[in-house]
Protein backbone atom coordinates (compact mmCIF):
# COMPACT_ATOMS: atom_id res chain seq x y z
CA ARG A 1 0.20 0.03 0.19
CA VAL A 2 1.32 3.35 -0.47
CA ALA A 3 0.19 6.91 0.64
CA ILE A 4 1.28 10.50 -0.28
CA VAL A 5 1.40 12.82 3.14
CA VAL A 6 -0.18 15.47 2.63
CA SER A 7 1.27 18.95 4.55
CA THR A 8 -0.57 21.52 6.02
CA ARG A 9 2.28 23.90 5.90
CA MET A 10 2.57 23.44 1.90
CA MET A 11 -1.50 23.56 1.85
CA ARG A 12 -1.49 26.89 3.04
CA LEU A 13 1.27 28.75 1.08
CA ASN A 14 -0.13 26.44 -1.78
CA TRP A 15 0.41 29.34 -4.98
CA TRP A 16 -1.04 29.50 -7.89
CA GLU A 17 0.20 29.53 -11.56
CA GLY A 18 -2.04 31.05 -13.32
CA HIS A 19 -4.65 30.47 -16.00
CA GLY A 20 -5.57 27.08 -17.82
CA HIS A 21 -4.30 24.83 -14.54
CA LEU A 22 -5.98 22.27 -12.01
CA GLY A 23 -4.99 24.56 -9.04
CA GLY A 24 -2.11 25.51 -7.24
CA VAL A 25 1.21 24.03 -7.30
CA TYR A 26 1.00 22.05 -4.89
CA PHE A 27 -2.07 20.31 -5.71
CA MET A 28 -1.23 19.39 -9.02
CA ARG A 29 2.46 17.46 -7.75
CA LEU A 30 -0.21 15.90 -5.53
CA PHE A 31 -2.51 15.23 -8.47
CA GLU A 32 0.51 14.17 -10.38
CA ALA A 33 1.72 11.05 -8.07
CA TYR A 34 -1.58 10.02 -7.54
CA ASN A 35 -2.27 9.28 -10.65
CA ALA A 36 1.37 8.06 -11.54
CA CYS A 37 0.57 5.41 -8.86
CA LEU A 38 -2.63 4.62 -10.62
CA TYR A 39 -0.52 4.01 -13.60
CA ALA A 40 1.87 2.73 -12.12
CA HIS A 41 -1.32 -0.40 -10.71
CA ARG A 42 -0.26 0.48 -7.08
CA PRO A 43 -3.54 3.28 -6.22
CA ALA A 44 -2.17 5.60 -3.62
CA SER A 45 -4.48 7.22 -0.77
CA TYR A 46 -4.15 11.32 0.73
CA VAL A 47 -2.90 10.94 3.91
CA PHE A 48 -3.72 14.80 5.87
CA VAL A 49 -1.16 15.59 8.99
CA GLU A 50 -4.70 16.41 11.06
CA ASP A 51 -5.87 12.20 10.61
CA LEU A 52 -2.77 11.21 11.33
CA LYS A 53 -2.49 8.95 14.78
CA PRO A 54 0.41 7.38 16.14
CA ASP A 55 0.08 4.38 13.40
CA THR A 56 -1.43 5.78 10.94
CA LEU A 57 1.63 5.28 8.69
CA ARG A 58 2.48 2.19 9.60
CA LYS A 59 -0.25 0.10 7.54
CA TYR A 60 1.87 1.58 4.65
CA ASN A 61 4.67 0.09 2.91
CA VAL A 62 5.52 3.53 0.37
CA LEU A 63 4.87 6.42 1.97
CA LEU A 64 5.68 9.65 -0.86
CA VAL A 65 6.82 13.20 0.24
CA VAL A 66 5.96 15.43 -2.63
CA SER A 67 6.85 18.79 -3.48
CA GLN A 68 8.47 19.65 0.09
CA GLN A 69 9.44 23.22 0.25
CA VAL A 70 9.00 24.18 3.98
CA GLU A 71 9.93 22.11 7.35
CA LEU A 72 7.65 19.49 7.87
CA GLU A 73 5.51 19.83 10.29
CA PRO A 74 6.94 18.31 13.97
CA GLU A 75 3.51 15.69 13.83
CA LEU A 76 4.54 14.74 10.19
CA ALA A 77 8.05 14.58 10.67
CA GLN A 78 7.70 12.70 13.95
CA ALA A 79 5.02 10.24 12.21
CA LEU A 80 7.50 10.40 9.41
CA ALA A 81 10.20 8.72 11.47
CA ASP A 82 8.27 6.74 13.24
CA ALA A 83 6.43 4.86 10.28
CA GLN A 84 10.42 5.35 8.81
CA ASP A 85 12.16 3.26 12.41
CA ALA A 86 9.03 0.48 11.58
CA GLY A 87 10.17 -0.60 8.21
CA VAL A 88 8.25 1.80 5.69
CA ALA A 89 9.91 3.02 3.22
CA VAL A 90 9.80 6.59 2.47
CA PHE A 91 10.40 8.16 -0.68
CA TYR A 92 11.03 12.49 -1.46
CA ASP A 93 10.18 13.49 -5.21
CA GLY A 94 12.36 15.59 -7.24
CA THR A 95 10.29 18.90 -6.63
CA CYS A 96 11.13 18.65 -2.28
CA ARG A 97 13.78 20.83 -0.85
CA GLU A 98 16.21 18.39 0.47
CA GLU A 99 17.42 20.16 3.20
CA HIS A 100 14.02 19.36 4.73
CA VAL A 101 13.35 15.74 3.66
CA ARG A 102 17.25 14.43 3.49
CA ALA A 103 16.20 11.87 6.48
CA PHE A 104 14.29 9.59 3.42
CA SER A 105 15.34 7.92 0.44
CA PRO A 106 15.28 9.69 -3.40
CA LEU A 107 12.47 8.67 -5.61
CA GLY A 108 14.44 9.21 -8.75
CA ILE A 109 11.54 11.39 -10.44
CA ALA A 110 9.89 14.82 -9.88
CA PHE A 111 6.06 15.39 -10.26
CA ASP A 112 6.35 18.90 -12.24
CA CYS A 113 4.77 17.66 -15.46
CA VAL A 114 1.76 18.49 -14.95
CA GLU A 115 2.70 22.26 -13.54
CA LYS A 116 4.69 22.55 -16.89
CA GLU A 117 1.70 21.64 -19.48
CA PRO A 118 0.17 24.77 -21.30
CA SER A 119 -2.85 24.33 -20.09
CA LEU A 120 -5.27 22.27 -18.69
CA MET A 121 -8.34 23.56 -18.93
CA ASN A 122 -10.83 23.39 -22.13
CA ASP A 123 -7.57 22.16 -23.87
CA ASP A 124 -8.85 18.84 -25.70
CA LEU A 125 -4.83 18.02 -26.48
CA ALA A 126 -4.52 17.60 -23.09
CA TYR A 127 -6.20 14.11 -23.26
CA TYR A 128 -3.31 13.01 -25.30
CA ARG A 129 -0.37 14.72 -24.07
CA LEU A 130 -1.57 14.14 -20.34
CA PRO A 131 -1.30 10.18 -19.98
CA ARG A 132 1.81 10.32 -22.22
CA GLN A 133 3.80 12.10 -19.22
CA LEU A 134 1.97 10.16 -15.93
CA LYS A 135 2.26 6.87 -18.10
CA ARG A 136 6.01 7.93 -18.05
CA ARG A 137 6.24 9.09 -14.34
CA ALA A 138 4.16 5.80 -13.69
CA GLU A 139 7.71 3.83 -15.16
CA GLY A 140 9.91 5.82 -12.95
CA LEU A 141 7.81 5.12 -9.72
CA SER A 142 7.28 1.90 -10.66
CA LYS A 143 10.96 1.11 -10.93
CA ALA A 144 11.37 3.05 -7.62
CA ILE A 145 9.11 1.10 -5.29
CA ALA A 146 8.58 -2.44 -6.91
CA ASP A 147 10.90 -4.25 -4.00
CA HIS A 148 8.48 -2.60 -1.43
CA VAL A 149 5.10 -2.86 -2.66
CA PRO A 150 3.83 -4.75 -5.78
CA PRO A 151 0.80 -3.70 -8.78
CA VAL A 152 -2.54 -4.81 -7.60
CA ALA A 153 -2.29 -7.06 -10.73
CA GLU A 154 -0.05 -7.77 -13.25
CA VAL A 155 -1.61 -6.11 -16.19
CA GLN A 156 0.46 -5.04 -19.21
CA ASN A 157 -1.56 -1.90 -19.95
CA PRO A 158 -1.19 1.29 -17.72
CA GLU A 159 -4.24 2.66 -18.46
CA ILE A 160 -6.33 -0.06 -17.19
CA MET A 161 -6.82 1.27 -13.43
CA LEU A 162 -6.81 -0.73 -10.79
CA THR A 163 -7.84 -0.58 -6.96
CA GLU A 164 -8.26 -3.23 -4.26
CA ARG A 165 -9.91 -3.51 -1.07
CA ARG A 166 -9.91 -6.26 1.83
CA ASN A 167 -12.45 -7.20 4.56
CA GLY A 168 -10.92 -10.17 6.23
CA GLU A 169 -9.50 -12.56 4.45
CA GLY A 170 -11.52 -11.41 1.06
CA ARG A 171 -9.65 -9.21 -1.56
CA PHE A 172 -11.65 -7.46 -3.94
CA VAL A 173 -10.21 -6.27 -6.91
CA TRP A 174 -11.71 -3.06 -9.18
CA VAL A 175 -10.62 -2.56 -12.41
CA LEU A 176 -11.24 0.58 -14.86
CA ASN A 177 -10.44 0.52 -18.37
CA ASN A 178 -9.24 4.28 -18.78
CA ASP A 179 -7.57 2.94 -22.17
CA LEU A 180 -7.97 6.22 -24.65
CA PRO A 181 -7.76 5.51 -28.72
CA ASP A 182 -3.88 6.03 -29.53
CA TRP A 183 -5.13 8.46 -32.54
CA GLU A 184 -3.48 12.32 -33.24
CA PRO A 185 -5.98 14.46 -32.03
CA TRP A 186 -6.26 15.69 -35.86
CA GLN A 187 -7.82 12.68 -36.45
CA VAL A 188 -10.63 12.44 -33.92
CA TRP A 189 -11.56 16.04 -34.90
CA ARG A 190 -11.79 14.51 -38.39
CA LEU A 191 -14.07 12.21 -37.24
CA THR A 192 -16.74 14.37 -35.21
CA SER A 193 -19.23 16.70 -35.99
CA TYR A 194 -19.15 20.39 -34.94
């Protein structure tokens, strides 16, 4: 299981990059990390500082710290250290300031492709560009965490989204076919009516 920790400090400092984006930069980086996990067939949960209990992070195999630009909240820093001491792998992405996360392992990728998109809102080409970028991030993510958490199921197509829930000894797997045609946008436009 994978968790993406969400820093309240970073949420409060979240800066907006202008027209056509999904939100602030921190939000977009969290969004990208979450989607990269889906494309890697290792769905993630968000864990907010306010929801932390002493053992919250210990139930995960991998923790991702994304875009940490300021000192971690004391509660989050302690919870991450405790989880790491309990054997949970803690990784940080390339958008973090290293002085705030050097106790953890580098992920080897940066969740920064969504913020570099020229526009996402009202842009049909985003459906073409974004999955390709997220698949590249998912490949790097899969390599980094492969020894710590297996995929939900072995599926060759990264656009087949998987998630699972457990109840006692039961394991329930949900599969969503999010496979988009590999057509150039001009081909799709020619087939649609205006």
